[in-house]
């Protein structure tokens, strides 16, 4: 994590079996548990952002507006 990035410390409670899995995965990836959790959360956020972008790009109203703007510029 870059030095200029603000961070916030949190406590996470999770079932023991999930904690064991997180620890195993962090070790397998050669990173700390914190780094592994941050990595996975960032991945989930990217997927969520992509889903929202795709929904916007396929929204009929947005598509119609873009088509109208394209026709106006021609």
N, C-alpha and C. Protein backbone atom coordinates (compact mmCIF):
# COMPACT_ATOMS: atom_id res chain seq x y z
N UNK A 1 0.85 -1.17 0.00
CA UNK A 1 0.00 0.00 0.00
C UNK A 1 0.89 1.23 0.00
N UNK A 2 0.52 2.20 -0.79
CA UNK A 2 1.35 3.39 -0.89
C UNK A 2 1.27 4.21 0.39
N UNK A 3 2.36 4.91 0.69
CA UNK A 3 2.44 5.69 1.93
C UNK A 3 1.45 6.85 1.97
N UNK A 4 1.07 7.37 0.80
CA UNK A 4 0.19 8.54 0.79
C UNK A 4 -1.30 8.17 0.80
N UNK A 5 -1.61 6.89 0.86
CA UNK A 5 -3.00 6.46 0.87
C UNK A 5 -3.51 6.41 2.31
N UNK A 6 -4.63 7.07 2.55
CA UNK A 6 -5.21 7.01 3.89
C UNK A 6 -5.76 5.62 4.14
N UNK A 7 -5.65 5.17 5.36
CA UNK A 7 -6.18 3.87 5.74
C UNK A 7 -6.98 3.99 7.02
N UNK A 8 -7.80 2.99 7.24
CA UNK A 8 -8.57 2.92 8.47
C UNK A 8 -8.46 1.50 9.00
N UNK A 9 -8.22 1.38 10.26
CA UNK A 9 -8.09 0.08 10.90
C UNK A 9 -9.48 -0.41 11.31
N UNK A 10 -9.76 -1.69 11.03
CA UNK A 10 -11.04 -2.28 11.43
C UNK A 10 -10.77 -3.66 12.04
N UNK A 11 -11.70 -4.12 12.85
CA UNK A 11 -11.69 -5.49 13.35
C UNK A 11 -12.71 -6.27 12.55
N UNK A 12 -12.36 -7.46 12.18
CA UNK A 12 -13.29 -8.31 11.43
C UNK A 12 -13.54 -9.57 12.23
N UNK A 13 -14.79 -9.86 12.48
CA UNK A 13 -15.15 -11.13 13.11
C UNK A 13 -15.62 -12.06 12.00
N UNK A 14 -15.13 -13.30 12.04
CA UNK A 14 -15.54 -14.27 11.04
C UNK A 14 -15.48 -15.66 11.64
N UNK A 15 -16.24 -16.57 11.07
CA UNK A 15 -16.20 -17.95 11.56
C UNK A 15 -14.77 -18.51 11.45
N UNK A 16 -14.44 -19.42 12.35
CA UNK A 16 -13.09 -19.98 12.39
C UNK A 16 -12.73 -20.63 11.06
N UNK A 17 -13.65 -21.36 10.45
CA UNK A 17 -13.32 -22.03 9.19
C UNK A 17 -12.99 -21.03 8.09
N UNK A 18 -13.65 -19.89 8.09
CA UNK A 18 -13.36 -18.86 7.10
C UNK A 18 -12.01 -18.20 7.38
N UNK A 19 -11.73 -17.96 8.65
CA UNK A 19 -10.44 -17.40 9.04
C UNK A 19 -9.30 -18.33 8.64
N UNK A 20 -9.50 -19.62 8.83
CA UNK A 20 -8.47 -20.59 8.44
C UNK A 20 -8.25 -20.55 6.93
N UNK A 21 -9.34 -20.45 6.17
CA UNK A 21 -9.23 -20.39 4.71
C UNK A 21 -8.49 -19.12 4.28
N UNK A 22 -8.83 -17.98 4.88
CA UNK A 22 -8.16 -16.72 4.55
C UNK A 22 -6.67 -16.83 4.84
N UNK A 23 -6.32 -17.39 5.98
CA UNK A 23 -4.90 -17.56 6.33
C UNK A 23 -4.19 -18.47 5.32
N UNK A 24 -4.83 -19.55 4.93
CA UNK A 24 -4.24 -20.47 3.95
C UNK A 24 -4.05 -19.78 2.60
N UNK A 25 -5.05 -19.04 2.17
CA UNK A 25 -4.96 -18.34 0.89
C UNK A 25 -3.89 -17.25 0.90
N UNK A 26 -3.81 -16.52 1.99
CA UNK A 26 -2.78 -15.48 2.11
C UNK A 26 -1.40 -16.12 2.02
N UNK A 27 -1.20 -17.21 2.74
CA UNK A 27 0.08 -17.91 2.71
C UNK A 27 0.39 -18.41 1.29
N UNK A 28 -0.61 -18.99 0.63
CA UNK A 28 -0.43 -19.53 -0.72
C UNK A 28 -0.07 -18.43 -1.72
N UNK A 29 -0.59 -17.22 -1.50
CA UNK A 29 -0.29 -16.09 -2.38
C UNK A 29 0.97 -15.34 -1.94
N UNK A 30 1.54 -15.73 -0.82
CA UNK A 30 2.76 -15.10 -0.34
C UNK A 30 2.57 -13.68 0.17
N UNK A 31 1.37 -13.40 0.71
CA UNK A 31 1.09 -12.07 1.22
C UNK A 31 0.53 -12.18 2.64
N UNK A 32 0.44 -11.05 3.31
CA UNK A 32 -0.16 -11.03 4.64
C UNK A 32 -1.67 -11.22 4.53
N UNK A 33 -2.29 -11.55 5.64
CA UNK A 33 -3.75 -11.69 5.67
C UNK A 33 -4.40 -10.37 5.28
N UNK A 34 -3.89 -9.26 5.80
CA UNK A 34 -4.44 -7.95 5.46
C UNK A 34 -4.33 -7.68 3.97
N UNK A 35 -3.17 -7.97 3.39
CA UNK A 35 -2.97 -7.75 1.96
C UNK A 35 -3.91 -8.64 1.14
N UNK A 36 -4.08 -9.88 1.58
CA UNK A 36 -4.97 -10.79 0.85
C UNK A 36 -6.41 -10.30 0.90
N UNK A 37 -6.87 -9.89 2.07
CA UNK A 37 -8.25 -9.38 2.19
C UNK A 37 -8.42 -8.13 1.33
N UNK A 38 -7.45 -7.21 1.39
CA UNK A 38 -7.53 -6.01 0.55
C UNK A 38 -7.55 -6.35 -0.93
N UNK A 39 -6.73 -7.33 -1.33
CA UNK A 39 -6.67 -7.76 -2.72
C UNK A 39 -8.02 -8.30 -3.18
N UNK A 40 -8.63 -9.14 -2.35
CA UNK A 40 -9.92 -9.72 -2.73
C UNK A 40 -11.03 -8.68 -2.74
N UNK A 41 -11.02 -7.76 -1.78
CA UNK A 41 -12.02 -6.70 -1.77
C UNK A 41 -11.88 -5.79 -2.98
N UNK A 42 -10.64 -5.49 -3.36
CA UNK A 42 -10.41 -4.67 -4.56
C UNK A 42 -10.93 -5.39 -5.80
N UNK A 43 -10.75 -6.70 -5.85
CA UNK A 43 -11.25 -7.49 -6.98
C UNK A 43 -12.78 -7.45 -7.04
N UNK A 44 -13.42 -7.59 -5.89
CA UNK A 44 -14.88 -7.52 -5.84
C UNK A 44 -15.36 -6.14 -6.27
N UNK A 45 -14.67 -5.09 -5.83
CA UNK A 45 -15.05 -3.73 -6.21
C UNK A 45 -14.91 -3.53 -7.71
N UNK A 46 -13.82 -4.02 -8.32
CA UNK A 46 -13.63 -3.91 -9.77
C UNK A 46 -14.77 -4.61 -10.51
N UNK A 47 -15.14 -5.81 -10.04
CA UNK A 47 -16.22 -6.55 -10.67
C UNK A 47 -17.54 -5.79 -10.55
N UNK A 48 -17.79 -5.21 -9.38
CA UNK A 48 -19.00 -4.44 -9.16
C UNK A 48 -19.03 -3.21 -10.06
N UNK A 49 -17.89 -2.51 -10.15
CA UNK A 49 -17.81 -1.33 -11.03
C UNK A 49 -18.06 -1.72 -12.48
N UNK A 50 -17.51 -2.86 -12.91
CA UNK A 50 -17.70 -3.32 -14.28
C UNK A 50 -19.16 -3.68 -14.54
N UNK A 51 -19.79 -4.32 -13.56
CA UNK A 51 -21.20 -4.67 -13.70
C UNK A 51 -22.05 -3.42 -13.85
N UNK A 52 -21.76 -2.40 -13.03
CA UNK A 52 -22.51 -1.14 -13.13
C UNK A 52 -22.27 -0.47 -14.47
N UNK A 53 -21.03 -0.49 -14.96
CA UNK A 53 -20.72 0.12 -16.25
C UNK A 53 -21.44 -0.61 -17.38
N UNK A 54 -21.46 -1.92 -17.31
CA UNK A 54 -22.15 -2.70 -18.35
C UNK A 54 -23.65 -2.44 -18.32
N UNK A 55 -24.21 -2.32 -17.12
CA UNK A 55 -25.64 -2.03 -17.01
C UNK A 55 -25.95 -0.67 -17.60
N UNK A 56 -25.07 0.29 -17.36
CA UNK A 56 -25.28 1.63 -17.91
C UNK A 56 -25.15 1.61 -19.43
N UNK A 57 -24.16 0.88 -19.94
CA UNK A 57 -23.94 0.84 -21.38
C UNK A 57 -25.05 0.12 -22.12
N UNK A 58 -25.76 -0.77 -21.45
CA UNK A 58 -26.84 -1.51 -22.11
C UNK A 58 -28.22 -0.98 -21.75
N UNK A 59 -28.28 0.10 -20.98
CA UNK A 59 -29.54 0.71 -20.60
C UNK A 59 -30.19 1.32 -21.84
N UNK A 60 -31.44 0.98 -22.10
CA UNK A 60 -32.12 1.43 -23.32
C UNK A 60 -32.19 2.95 -23.41
N UNK A 61 -32.45 3.62 -22.30
CA UNK A 61 -32.54 5.08 -22.31
C UNK A 61 -31.19 5.70 -22.67
N UNK A 62 -30.12 5.15 -22.11
CA UNK A 62 -28.78 5.67 -22.40
C UNK A 62 -28.44 5.41 -23.87
N UNK A 63 -28.75 4.22 -24.34
CA UNK A 63 -28.47 3.88 -25.74
C UNK A 63 -29.22 4.82 -26.68
N UNK A 64 -30.48 5.12 -26.36
CA UNK A 64 -31.28 6.02 -27.20
C UNK A 64 -30.69 7.42 -27.18
N UNK A 65 -30.28 7.90 -26.01
CA UNK A 65 -29.68 9.23 -25.89
C UNK A 65 -28.39 9.31 -26.69
N UNK A 66 -27.55 8.29 -26.62
CA UNK A 66 -26.30 8.28 -27.38
C UNK A 66 -26.58 8.26 -28.88
N UNK A 67 -27.57 7.52 -29.28
CA UNK A 67 -27.94 7.47 -30.71
C UNK A 67 -28.44 8.83 -31.18
N UNK A 68 -29.24 9.49 -30.34
CA UNK A 68 -29.74 10.83 -30.68
C UNK A 68 -28.58 11.82 -30.80
N UNK A 69 -27.63 11.76 -29.88
CA UNK A 69 -26.49 12.66 -29.93
C UNK A 69 -25.65 12.39 -31.18
N UNK A 70 -25.53 11.14 -31.54
CA UNK A 70 -24.76 10.77 -32.74
C UNK A 70 -25.45 11.34 -33.97
N UNK A 71 -26.77 11.21 -34.03
CA UNK A 71 -27.52 11.72 -35.18
C UNK A 71 -27.46 13.24 -35.27
N UNK A 72 -27.47 13.92 -34.12
CA UNK A 72 -27.40 15.37 -34.10
C UNK A 72 -26.06 15.88 -34.60
N UNK A 73 -25.01 15.14 -34.35
CA UNK A 73 -23.67 15.59 -34.75
C UNK A 73 -23.42 15.34 -36.24
N UNK A 74 -24.25 14.53 -36.87
CA UNK A 74 -24.09 14.25 -38.32
C UNK A 74 -24.82 15.19 -39.17
